């Protein structure tokens, strides 16, 4: 029997990478993703222009938007994209920080792998370092409450610096703080209750906060009043129309008078529906479904403002803003179900009519109307506002903030190096690598601002060693300053979440030593694709 006969254990077309090659390929893919967004970090970060297959253009320096639009295919690189998405969902900001940190952790791990340090020792060291880093951050963080309005404003300005909205950051920061404080409940802040409506036209500084809700809808009938003061609002989530029978129905009519009676009966039913709305005392109707033409006529005749096909999410926001209850059955409608607003009016914004529900008393849902010269400007301003709102909400939820400008990273790295000396064994090397990796943030801030990273980092470390924990890099003056005094403030949650996500995904990628990728022709007898160089084939004696 021939001893050299290949043994088939995988379908044809499958590619397999093993051992150090697998680790090297995964680390390389992750590093490329990190390098892609690295130049966008900080106030002097650059923007990326992404053109999709349909020719739609996105211009942004928002990490998660860039990675999302790039449609990355590599499995390890996709894991890095997940880090950005988690950061976005949890905090709403700091996505670039998380991705750059993950890339740097993997880069330093690669150096340790080349020194024959086992991956499990590196992952254990990284886990210890991540826990210690979170502990250090909690210790150095400053407390904050919703009374510290100036600090909250600084947080919003820090989030918007370096983004397209920077020109009007003072005004936008004020709007963001007011909006978050308005919707905050005792223990919860749901940023979903801040509706962001975009309209191209005017400039960014013309953006406004409406104490209520703005709907991209107009009155259903031209005879309806365009403005109603002291509005009594009814929210209906069923159609103001004749209901069709559930089953197929046939109506036989033998003479024309019966047809007339049939039409009159329909009108009577619709009139009855409208009368119930009128009797409740409502003068504004928002309907989630359709409104029949005849019902529209009767509503307009009674000088009632009505809009139809309102999104469910907008209905919920209207309920929170006006205090109205959403009514399903008009039979049950009474004056207690109505909500109140100072003014409901139809306004022309750009070339579209919009309905403003404003001057609500203590609304728990508000609207930010974002304006800007072009669609790209409006989109980027919206992303900046979402970051600012997310940061303010995260700060108030945890009640803790840190200074920015790379100062917390340098402080954490300093403390981690001290912590490393308390460890025996090779984990010490991994903790030192982690400390070095976390300094990638101040280093990148310096590089993106055209400063010398070695000089800036050395000077910052000297300040930290002399006890100034908030010494950070002022990228505009090129000097080391007290970041807290300079008003560069960020929520603690951004830093903690970035370290958690980056270290966890790094540990996951480092533990992979075998990648088996099914080819397109797997299991269908397709031809074997050519193997890429670098040992991506099967080991000897394991042909496919």
Protein backbone atom coordinates (compact mmCIF):
# COMPACT_ATOMS: atom_id res chain seq x y z
CA UNK A 1 0.00 0.00 0.00
CA UNK A 2 1.25 3.48 -0.89
CA UNK A 3 2.15 5.31 2.37
CA UNK A 4 2.18 8.74 0.69
CA UNK A 5 -1.44 8.67 -0.40
CA UNK A 6 -3.18 11.94 0.69
CA UNK A 7 -6.04 11.61 3.18
CA UNK A 8 -9.09 13.73 2.46
CA UNK A 9 -10.73 15.12 5.61
CA UNK A 10 -12.01 18.46 4.28
CA UNK A 11 -14.10 19.30 1.22
CA UNK A 12 -12.36 20.38 -1.95
CA UNK A 13 -11.76 24.13 -2.16
CA UNK A 14 -11.22 24.52 1.60
CA UNK A 15 -8.29 26.68 2.69
CA UNK A 16 -6.55 26.07 5.96
CA UNK A 17 -4.01 28.22 7.81
CA UNK A 18 -2.37 26.90 10.94
CA UNK A 19 -0.11 27.87 13.83
CA UNK A 20 1.89 31.08 13.64
CA UNK A 21 0.72 31.77 10.10
CA UNK A 22 -2.92 31.85 11.28
CA UNK A 23 -2.03 34.18 14.15
CA UNK A 24 0.09 36.40 11.90
CA UNK A 25 -2.67 36.71 9.26
CA UNK A 26 -5.35 37.55 11.85
CA UNK A 27 -3.15 40.10 13.60
CA UNK A 28 -2.20 41.68 10.26
CA UNK A 29 -5.89 42.05 9.25
CA UNK A 30 -6.77 43.63 12.61
CA UNK A 31 -3.80 46.02 12.39
CA UNK A 32 -4.85 47.15 8.90
CA UNK A 33 -8.35 47.99 10.19
CA UNK A 34 -6.86 49.97 13.10
CA UNK A 35 -4.48 51.83 10.77
CA UNK A 36 -7.42 52.78 8.52
CA UNK A 37 -9.18 54.77 11.24
CA UNK A 38 -6.07 55.85 13.17
CA UNK A 39 -5.60 59.10 11.22
CA UNK A 40 -9.12 60.23 12.20
CA UNK A 41 -8.38 60.32 15.96
CA UNK A 42 -8.43 63.60 17.85
CA UNK A 43 -9.21 67.25 17.09
CA UNK A 44 -6.68 67.33 14.23
CA UNK A 45 -7.83 63.99 12.80
CA UNK A 46 -8.60 63.83 9.08
CA UNK A 47 -11.84 62.71 7.41
CA UNK A 48 -12.45 59.75 5.10
CA UNK A 49 -14.53 59.82 1.94
CA UNK A 50 -16.29 56.53 1.26
CA UNK A 51 -18.09 55.96 -2.05
CA UNK A 52 -20.37 52.91 -2.15
CA UNK A 53 -21.31 50.76 -5.17
CA UNK A 54 -24.26 53.05 -5.96
CA UNK A 55 -22.05 56.14 -5.95
CA UNK A 56 -23.39 57.50 -2.63
CA UNK A 57 -20.72 59.52 -0.83
CA UNK A 58 -20.12 59.56 2.93
CA UNK A 59 -17.59 62.01 4.40
CA UNK A 60 -16.83 61.38 8.08
CA UNK A 61 -14.19 60.82 10.74
CA UNK A 62 -16.54 58.71 12.88
CA UNK A 63 -14.81 55.34 13.39
CA UNK A 64 -17.89 53.10 13.38
CA UNK A 65 -19.40 54.82 10.30
CA UNK A 66 -16.15 54.36 8.34
CA UNK A 67 -15.83 50.66 9.23
CA UNK A 68 -19.52 50.03 8.57
CA UNK A 69 -19.40 51.62 5.12
CA UNK A 70 -16.21 49.76 4.17
CA UNK A 71 -18.00 46.38 4.21
CA UNK A 72 -15.01 44.47 5.55
CA UNK A 73 -14.84 40.75 4.66
CA UNK A 74 -11.91 39.29 6.61
CA UNK A 75 -13.21 37.33 9.67
CA UNK A 76 -10.62 38.71 12.14
CA UNK A 77 -11.07 42.24 10.81
CA UNK A 78 -14.84 41.85 11.27
CA UNK A 79 -14.21 41.16 14.95
CA UNK A 80 -12.47 44.55 15.23
CA UNK A 81 -15.47 46.19 13.53
CA UNK A 82 -17.66 44.57 16.23
CA UNK A 83 -15.55 46.39 18.86
CA UNK A 84 -16.49 49.72 17.25
CA UNK A 85 -20.17 48.74 17.09
CA UNK A 86 -20.22 47.72 20.77
CA UNK A 87 -18.60 51.01 21.73
CA UNK A 88 -21.19 52.89 19.66
CA UNK A 89 -24.11 51.02 21.25
CA UNK A 90 -22.81 51.31 24.81
CA UNK A 91 -21.57 54.92 24.83
CA UNK A 92 -22.10 56.44 21.38
CA UNK A 93 -18.52 57.75 21.16
CA UNK A 94 -14.91 56.58 21.42
CA UNK A 95 -15.17 54.07 18.56
CA UNK A 96 -11.84 55.10 16.99
CA UNK A 97 -10.11 54.90 20.40
CA UNK A 98 -11.35 51.33 20.93
CA UNK A 99 -10.28 50.14 17.45
CA UNK A 100 -6.84 51.81 17.57
CA UNK A 101 -6.23 50.32 21.04
CA UNK A 102 -7.21 46.82 19.85
CA UNK A 103 -4.83 47.12 16.88
CA UNK A 104 -1.94 48.25 19.11
CA UNK A 105 -2.56 45.45 21.67
CA UNK A 106 -2.35 42.89 18.86
CA UNK A 107 0.78 44.53 17.42
CA UNK A 108 2.54 44.28 20.80
CA UNK A 109 1.27 40.72 21.27
CA UNK A 110 2.88 39.81 17.94
CA UNK A 111 6.28 40.94 19.29
CA UNK A 112 5.79 38.70 22.34
CA UNK A 113 4.78 35.76 20.14
CA UNK A 114 8.04 36.17 18.22
CA UNK A 115 9.89 35.92 21.54
CA UNK A 116 8.13 32.55 22.02
CA UNK A 117 5.78 33.75 24.76
CA UNK A 118 2.74 31.44 24.66
CA UNK A 119 -0.59 33.05 23.55
CA UNK A 120 -2.38 31.92 26.74
CA UNK A 121 0.22 33.71 28.89
CA UNK A 122 -0.26 36.89 26.82
CA UNK A 123 -4.06 36.68 27.13
CA UNK A 124 -3.79 36.14 30.90
CA UNK A 125 -1.44 39.11 31.25
CA UNK A 126 -3.74 41.27 29.12
CA UNK A 127 -6.74 40.24 31.23
CA UNK A 128 -4.94 41.22 34.45
CA UNK A 129 -3.82 44.52 32.90
CA UNK A 130 -7.35 45.34 31.63
CA UNK A 131 -8.84 44.74 35.10
CA UNK A 132 -6.14 46.85 36.73
CA UNK A 133 -6.58 49.61 34.10
CA UNK A 134 -10.32 49.83 34.85
CA UNK A 135 -9.55 50.00 38.56
CA UNK A 136 -7.02 52.84 37.99
CA UNK A 137 -9.50 54.78 35.83
CA UNK A 138 -12.20 54.49 38.51
CA UNK A 139 -9.76 55.79 41.12
CA UNK A 140 -8.64 58.84 39.15
CA UNK A 141 -12.14 59.77 37.82
CA UNK A 142 -13.91 62.90 39.09
CA UNK A 143 -17.55 62.92 40.23
CA UNK A 144 -20.22 64.85 38.34
CA UNK A 145 -23.97 65.54 38.61
CA UNK A 146 -26.54 67.29 36.41
CA UNK A 147 -25.89 70.51 38.34
CA UNK A 148 -22.38 70.78 36.82
CA UNK A 149 -23.74 72.37 33.64
CA UNK A 150 -20.39 73.90 32.64
CA UNK A 151 -18.65 70.50 32.84
CA UNK A 152 -21.46 68.86 30.83
CA UNK A 153 -21.05 71.56 28.18
CA UNK A 154 -17.29 70.93 28.07
CA UNK A 155 -17.99 67.19 27.57
CA UNK A 156 -20.24 67.98 24.58
CA UNK A 157 -17.67 70.40 23.10
CA UNK A 158 -14.89 67.78 23.53
CA UNK A 159 -17.05 65.22 21.66
CA UNK A 160 -17.63 67.62 18.75
CA UNK A 161 -14.11 69.03 18.44
CA UNK A 162 -12.48 67.81 15.24
CA UNK A 163 -15.81 66.94 13.59
CA UNK A 164 -17.72 68.79 10.88
CA UNK A 165 -19.92 70.51 13.48
CA UNK A 166 -16.93 72.22 15.13
CA UNK A 167 -17.80 75.67 13.74
CA UNK A 168 -20.95 75.93 15.90
CA UNK A 169 -19.85 73.62 18.74
CA UNK A 170 -20.68 76.16 21.52
CA UNK A 171 -24.31 76.46 20.46
CA UNK A 172 -24.74 72.76 19.66
CA UNK A 173 -23.21 71.80 23.02
CA UNK A 174 -25.76 74.00 24.79
CA UNK A 175 -28.61 72.37 22.84
CA UNK A 176 -27.29 68.87 23.65
CA UNK A 177 -27.01 69.58 27.41
CA UNK A 178 -30.49 71.15 27.54
CA UNK A 179 -31.99 68.20 25.62
CA UNK A 180 -30.45 65.52 27.85
CA UNK A 181 -31.41 67.33 31.07
CA UNK A 182 -34.95 67.77 29.77
CA UNK A 183 -35.57 64.05 29.08
CA UNK A 184 -33.69 62.73 32.15
CA UNK A 185 -35.88 60.81 34.58
CA UNK A 186 -34.98 60.04 38.19
CA UNK A 187 -32.65 57.14 37.41
CA UNK A 188 -32.76 56.68 33.65
CA UNK A 189 -31.71 58.64 30.58
CA UNK A 190 -33.07 57.23 27.35
CA UNK A 191 -31.45 59.13 24.48
CA UNK A 192 -34.09 57.64 22.14
CA UNK A 193 -36.39 60.35 23.52
CA UNK A 194 -34.26 62.98 21.78
CA UNK A 195 -35.45 62.96 18.19
CA UNK A 196 -32.91 64.28 15.69
CA UNK A 197 -34.57 65.69 12.56
CA UNK A 198 -32.32 66.81 9.67
CA UNK A 199 -33.12 69.41 7.03
CA UNK A 200 -30.72 70.82 4.44
CA UNK A 201 -30.72 74.62 4.35
CA UNK A 202 -29.36 77.62 6.32
CA UNK A 203 -26.22 76.93 8.39
CA UNK A 204 -25.24 74.65 11.30
CA UNK A 205 -25.68 77.58 13.72
CA UNK A 206 -29.40 77.73 12.75
CA UNK A 207 -30.02 74.32 14.38
CA UNK A 208 -32.58 74.51 17.19
CA UNK A 209 -34.07 72.56 20.08
CA UNK A 210 -37.85 72.24 20.09
CA UNK A 211 -39.59 71.57 23.43
CA UNK A 212 -41.75 68.93 21.81
CA UNK A 213 -41.73 66.96 18.57
CA UNK A 214 -41.15 67.87 14.92
CA UNK A 215 -42.87 65.61 12.41
CA UNK A 216 -41.99 65.29 8.75
CA UNK A 217 -45.73 65.50 7.95
CA UNK A 218 -48.22 68.10 6.76
CA UNK A 219 -51.94 68.65 7.39
CA UNK A 220 -54.05 66.13 5.45
CA UNK A 221 -56.48 68.78 4.14
CA UNK A 222 -55.69 72.20 2.69
CA UNK A 223 -58.63 73.85 4.56
CA UNK A 224 -57.30 72.88 7.97
CA UNK A 225 -55.86 75.68 10.16
CA UNK A 226 -52.07 76.08 9.79
CA UNK A 227 -51.56 77.04 13.44
CA UNK A 228 -53.40 76.03 16.60
CA UNK A 229 -52.63 77.60 19.95
CA UNK A 230 -53.34 75.84 23.25
CA UNK A 231 -53.56 72.54 21.37
CA UNK A 232 -55.55 69.59 22.77
CA UNK A 233 -53.98 66.58 21.07
CA UNK A 234 -55.45 63.14 20.44
CA UNK A 235 -53.20 60.24 19.33
CA UNK A 236 -55.01 57.47 17.44
CA UNK A 237 -53.33 54.25 16.32
CA UNK A 238 -56.29 52.89 14.31
CA UNK A 239 -57.58 54.10 10.93
CA UNK A 240 -60.29 56.78 10.68
CA UNK A 241 -61.74 54.87 7.74
CA UNK A 242 -64.49 52.36 7.03
CA UNK A 243 -63.24 48.96 8.08
CA UNK A 244 -63.18 46.35 5.34
CA UNK A 245 -64.72 43.00 6.30
CA UNK A 246 -62.24 40.32 7.34
CA UNK A 247 -63.54 37.85 4.74
CA UNK A 248 -64.44 38.32 1.06
CA UNK A 249 -67.88 39.91 1.01
CA UNK A 250 -70.35 40.52 -1.78
CA UNK A 251 -73.07 43.19 -1.48
CA UNK A 252 -75.96 42.85 -3.92
CA UNK A 253 -77.97 45.98 -4.71
CA UNK A 254 -81.20 45.72 -6.68
CA UNK A 255 -82.08 49.43 -7.15
CA UNK A 256 -80.22 52.82 -7.10
CA UNK A 257 -81.82 54.01 -3.82
CA UNK A 258 -80.12 51.14 -1.98
CA UNK A 259 -76.76 52.29 -3.37
CA UNK A 260 -77.49 55.82 -2.14
CA UNK A 261 -78.39 54.45 1.32
CA UNK A 262 -75.18 52.43 1.33
CA UNK A 263 -73.05 55.54 0.60
CA UNK A 264 -74.97 57.61 3.17
CA UNK A 265 -74.42 54.92 5.80
CA UNK A 266 -70.67 55.01 5.13
CA UNK A 267 -70.70 58.80 5.52
CA UNK A 268 -72.70 58.47 8.73
CA UNK A 269 -70.16 56.05 10.24
CA UNK A 270 -67.27 58.41 9.37
CA UNK A 271 -69.23 61.44 10.70
CA UNK A 272 -69.80 59.48 13.92
CA UNK A 273 -66.04 58.87 14.26
CA UNK A 274 -65.25 62.56 13.73
CA UNK A 275 -68.00 63.59 16.18
CA UNK A 276 -66.37 61.46 18.89
CA UNK A 277 -63.10 63.33 18.31
CA UNK A 278 -64.90 66.72 18.39
CA UNK A 279 -66.84 65.81 21.55
CA UNK A 280 -63.63 64.89 23.36
CA UNK A 281 -62.52 68.53 22.98
CA UNK A 282 -59.53 67.72 20.72
CA UNK A 283 -58.39 70.26 18.15
CA UNK A 284 -55.34 68.32 16.84
CA UNK A 285 -55.39 64.72 15.58
CA UNK A 286 -52.32 62.56 14.91
CA UNK A 287 -53.26 59.24 13.35
CA UNK A 288 -50.86 56.31 12.92
CA UNK A 289 -52.91 54.93 10.01
CA UNK A 290 -55.04 56.48 7.24
CA UNK A 291 -57.79 59.15 7.40
CA UNK A 292 -60.65 58.84 4.89
CA UNK A 293 -61.31 61.81 2.54
CA UNK A 294 -64.81 62.35 4.00
CA UNK A 295 -63.40 62.29 7.56
CA UNK A 296 -60.76 64.82 6.45
CA UNK A 297 -63.56 67.10 5.19
CA UNK A 298 -65.48 66.96 8.48
CA UNK A 299 -62.29 67.53 10.53
CA UNK A 300 -61.32 70.54 8.37
CA UNK A 301 -64.87 71.93 8.73
CA UNK A 302 -64.53 71.75 12.52
CA UNK A 303 -61.15 73.58 12.31
CA UNK A 304 -59.26 70.54 13.58
CA UNK A 305 -55.62 70.03 12.48
CA UNK A 306 -54.93 66.41 11.44
CA UNK A 307 -51.88 64.49 10.18
CA UNK A 308 -51.83 60.82 9.20
CA UNK A 309 -49.47 57.84 8.84
CA UNK A 310 -47.28 58.96 11.76
CA UNK A 311 -44.50 56.47 12.59
CA UNK A 312 -45.01 54.42 15.76
CA UNK A 313 -41.75 55.76 17.22
CA UNK A 314 -43.02 59.31 16.65
CA UNK A 315 -46.37 58.44 18.27
CA UNK A 316 -44.50 57.27 21.39
CA UNK A 317 -42.45 60.50 21.41
CA UNK A 318 -45.62 62.58 21.03
CA UNK A 319 -47.17 60.73 23.97
CA UNK A 320 -44.10 61.46 26.13
CA UNK A 321 -43.94 65.10 25.05
CA UNK A 322 -47.64 66.02 25.35
CA UNK A 323 -48.85 63.60 28.03
CA UNK A 324 -51.49 62.14 25.69
CA UNK A 325 -52.55 58.50 25.78
CA UNK A 326 -52.49 56.54 22.50
CA UNK A 327 -56.12 55.55 21.74
CA UNK A 328 -56.97 52.44 19.72
CA UNK A 329 -60.77 52.49 19.96
CA UNK A 330 -62.55 55.79 19.33
CA UNK A 331 -65.52 54.53 21.36
CA UNK A 332 -63.40 54.87 24.51
CA UNK A 333 -62.04 58.34 23.69
CA UNK A 334 -62.60 60.99 26.36
CA UNK A 335 -61.00 64.27 27.47
CA UNK A 336 -58.58 62.47 29.85
CA UNK A 337 -56.80 60.85 26.87
CA UNK A 338 -55.85 64.24 25.40
CA UNK A 339 -52.37 65.76 25.55
CA UNK A 340 -51.41 69.43 25.60
CA UNK A 341 -49.01 71.62 23.66
CA UNK A 342 -48.66 75.41 23.54
CA UNK A 343 -48.61 75.52 19.74
CA UNK A 344 -49.09 73.05 16.87
CA UNK A 345 -48.26 74.55 13.52
CA UNK A 346 -47.27 73.68 9.98
CA UNK A 347 -44.04 75.32 8.83
CA UNK A 348 -42.12 75.19 5.59
CA UNK A 349 -38.56 74.01 6.22
CA UNK A 350 -36.46 74.01 3.06
CA UNK A 351 -38.90 72.84 0.40
CA UNK A 352 -40.99 70.59 2.66
CA UNK A 353 -43.87 71.20 5.06
CA UNK A 354 -43.27 70.00 8.63
CA UNK A 355 -45.50 69.88 11.68
CA UNK A 356 -44.12 71.44 14.87
CA UNK A 357 -45.61 70.37 18.21
CA UNK A 358 -43.93 72.80 20.58
CA UNK A 359 -44.11 74.67 23.89
CA UNK A 360 -45.06 71.46 25.67
CA UNK A 361 -45.05 71.67 29.47
CA UNK A 362 -42.08 69.69 30.86
CA UNK A 363 -41.86 67.35 27.84
CA UNK A 364 -40.07 64.02 28.27
CA UNK A 365 -39.34 63.92 24.55
CA UNK A 366 -37.69 66.75 22.60
CA UNK A 367 -36.50 67.33 19.02
CA UNK A 368 -33.20 68.67 17.73
CA UNK A 369 -33.64 70.17 14.28
CA UNK A 370 -30.24 70.03 12.56
CA UNK A 371 -29.59 72.46 9.72
CA UNK A 372 -26.61 72.71 7.36
CA UNK A 373 -25.55 73.85 3.90
CA UNK A 374 -25.37 70.42 2.25
CA UNK A 375 -26.55 66.89 2.93
CA UNK A 376 -23.02 65.77 3.90
CA UNK A 377 -22.70 68.62 6.42
CA UNK A 378 -26.09 67.79 7.97
CA UNK A 379 -25.20 64.06 8.20
CA UNK A 380 -21.83 64.75 9.85
CA UNK A 381 -23.43 67.26 12.26
CA UNK A 382 -26.00 64.61 13.21
CA UNK A 383 -23.19 62.11 13.97
CA UNK A 384 -21.39 64.75 16.08
CA UNK A 385 -24.61 65.53 18.00
CA UNK A 386 -25.24 61.83 18.65
CA UNK A 387 -21.69 61.54 20.05
CA UNK A 388 -22.23 64.60 22.28
CA UNK A 389 -25.63 63.39 23.54
CA UNK A 390 -24.23 59.88 24.17
CA UNK A 391 -21.29 61.34 26.11
CA UNK A 392 -23.47 63.58 28.31
CA UNK A 393 -25.88 60.71 29.03
CA UNK A 394 -22.99 58.30 29.81
CA UNK A 395 -21.44 60.88 32.18
CA UNK A 396 -24.69 61.43 34.07
CA UNK A 397 -25.48 57.69 34.27
CA UNK A 398 -22.12 56.75 35.80
CA UNK A 399 -21.62 60.08 37.58
CA UNK A 400 -17.90 59.97 36.75
CA UNK A 401 -15.73 61.74 34.17
CA UNK A 402 -12.04 61.98 33.28
CA UNK A 403 -9.99 64.58 31.43
CA UNK A 404 -9.09 63.87 27.81
CA UNK A 405 -6.10 64.84 25.63
CA UNK A 406 -4.40 61.49 26.31
CA UNK A 407 -3.97 62.21 30.04
CA UNK A 408 -5.86 59.17 31.46
CA UNK A 409 -3.96 56.81 29.12
CA UNK A 410 -0.56 58.09 30.28
CA UNK A 411 -1.65 57.83 33.94
CA UNK A 412 -2.95 54.27 33.42
CA UNK A 413 0.28 53.25 31.62
CA UNK A 414 2.36 54.69 34.51
CA UNK A 415 0.35 52.76 37.15
CA UNK A 416 0.35 49.54 35.05
CA UNK A 417 4.17 49.60 34.89
CA UNK A 418 4.23 49.75 38.69
CA UNK A 419 1.70 46.92 38.83
CA UNK A 420 3.83 44.80 36.43
CA UNK A 421 6.72 44.77 38.92
CA UNK A 422 4.46 43.00 41.46
CA UNK A 423 3.98 40.05 39.06
CA UNK A 424 6.33 37.14 38.70
CA UNK A 425 6.61 35.14 35.52
CA UNK A 426 5.97 36.00 31.90
CA UNK A 427 2.62 37.72 32.54
CA UNK A 428 4.78 40.69 33.53
CA UNK A 429 5.85 41.06 29.89
CA UNK A 430 2.22 41.07 28.74
CA UNK A 431 1.24 43.75 31.31
CA UNK A 432 4.17 45.92 30.18
CA UNK A 433 3.08 45.43 26.55
CA UNK A 434 -0.46 46.49 27.53
CA UNK A 435 0.92 49.62 29.23
CA UNK A 436 2.90 50.48 26.10
CA UNK A 437 -0.10 49.80 23.85
CA UNK A 438 -2.41 52.13 25.78
CA UNK A 439 0.02 55.00 25.09
CA UNK A 440 -0.91 54.70 21.40
CA UNK A 441 -3.73 57.22 22.07
CA UNK A 442 -1.54 60.21 23.12
CA UNK A 443 1.02 59.14 20.52
CA UNK A 444 -1.59 59.16 17.73
CA UNK A 445 -3.03 62.51 18.92
CA UNK A 446 0.49 64.00 18.55
CA UNK A 447 1.14 62.41 15.14
CA UNK A 448 -2.22 63.56 13.73
CA UNK A 449 -1.46 67.11 14.88
CA UNK A 450 1.96 67.06 13.19
CA UNK A 451 3.83 67.09 16.53
CA UNK A 452 6.77 64.90 17.53
CA UNK A 453 5.17 61.97 19.43
CA UNK A 454 8.36 61.06 21.35
CA UNK A 455 8.90 64.61 22.65
CA UNK A 456 5.23 65.08 23.57
CA UNK A 457 4.94 61.70 25.31
CA UNK A 458 8.19 62.20 27.26
CA UNK A 459 7.09 65.64 28.45
CA UNK A 460 3.63 64.33 29.42
CA UNK A 461 5.18 61.44 31.40
CA UNK A 462 7.42 63.87 33.31
CA UNK A 463 4.35 65.89 34.33
CA UNK A 464 2.52 62.72 35.44
CA UNK A 465 5.53 61.57 37.47
CA UNK A 466 5.45 64.91 39.29
CA UNK A 467 1.81 64.27 40.30
CA UNK A 468 -0.26 66.05 37.63
CA UNK A 469 -2.67 63.25 36.67
CA UNK A 470 -4.50 65.38 34.08
CA UNK A 471 -1.42 66.44 32.08
CA UNK A 472 -2.37 66.00 28.43
CA UNK A 473 -1.43 67.16 24.95
CA UNK A 474 -2.88 70.42 23.62
CA UNK A 475 -2.77 69.66 19.89
CA UNK A 476 -3.47 73.29 18.98
CA UNK A 477 -0.58 74.90 20.88
CA UNK A 478 1.73 71.85 20.78
CA UNK A 479 2.29 72.04 24.54
CA UNK A 480 1.53 69.79 27.52
CA UNK A 481 -1.33 71.33 29.52
CA UNK A 482 -3.69 70.42 32.37
CA UNK A 483 -6.50 68.89 30.29
CA UNK A 484 -9.12 69.44 33.03
CA UNK A 485 -8.31 73.17 33.19
CA UNK A 486 -8.34 73.31 29.38
CA UNK A 487 -11.90 71.92 29.42
CA UNK A 488 -11.10 68.66 27.61
CA UNK A 489 -13.41 66.29 29.51
CA UNK A 490 -14.81 62.86 28.59
CA UNK A 491 -17.06 60.32 30.32
CA UNK A 492 -15.28 57.58 32.25
CA UNK A 493 -17.46 55.02 30.43
CA UNK A 494 -15.73 55.75 27.07
CA UNK A 495 -12.31 54.77 28.45
CA UNK A 496 -13.52 51.78 30.46
CA UNK A 497 -15.61 50.36 27.60
CA UNK A 498 -12.79 50.87 25.07
CA UNK A 499 -10.33 48.97 27.29
CA UNK A 500 -12.86 46.18 27.98
CA UNK A 501 -13.82 45.68 24.32
CA UNK A 502 -10.28 46.02 22.93
CA UNK A 503 -8.70 43.62 25.45
CA UNK A 504 -11.47 41.01 25.06
CA UNK A 505 -11.29 40.93 21.26
CA UNK A 506 -7.47 40.81 21.42
CA UNK A 507 -7.60 37.81 23.75
CA UNK A 508 -10.08 36.11 21.40
CA UNK A 509 -7.94 36.67 18.28
CA UNK A 510 -4.72 35.55 20.03
CA UNK A 511 -6.23 32.19 20.98
CA UNK A 512 -6.93 31.27 17.35
CA UNK A 513 -4.23 29.01 15.89
CA UNK A 514 -6.16 27.35 13.06
CA UNK A 515 -8.33 28.99 10.38
CA UNK A 516 -10.40 26.70 8.16
CA UNK A 517 -12.18 28.61 5.39
CA UNK A 518 -14.65 26.85 3.12
CA UNK A 519 -14.03 27.56 -0.56
CA UNK A 520 -16.81 28.63 -2.91
CA UNK A 521 -16.92 25.18 -4.40
CA UNK A 522 -16.85 23.37 -1.04
CA UNK A 523 -18.67 20.07 -1.23
CA UNK A 524 -19.64 20.59 -4.87
CA UNK A 525 -16.55 19.18 -6.47
CA UNK A 526 -15.33 22.65 -7.49
CA UNK A 527 -11.70 23.07 -8.48
CA UNK A 528 -9.09 23.92 -5.88
CA UNK A 529 -8.36 27.68 -5.83
CA UNK A 530 -4.69 28.64 -5.98
CA UNK A 531 -3.07 28.77 -2.54
CA UNK A 532 -1.79 32.16 -1.39
CA UNK A 533 1.91 32.27 -0.54
CA UNK A 534 2.95 31.95 3.10
CA UNK A 535 1.90 28.42 4.00
CA UNK A 536 -1.87 28.69 3.73
CA UNK A 537 -2.10 25.10 2.52
CA UNK A 538 -2.35 21.84 4.46
CA UNK A 539 0.60 20.53 6.45
CA UNK A 540 2.60 17.66 4.89
CA UNK A 541 0.75 14.36 4.83
CA UNK A 542 -2.64 16.06 5.06
CA UNK A 543 -3.55 16.71 1.46
CA UNK A 544 -7.13 17.44 0.58
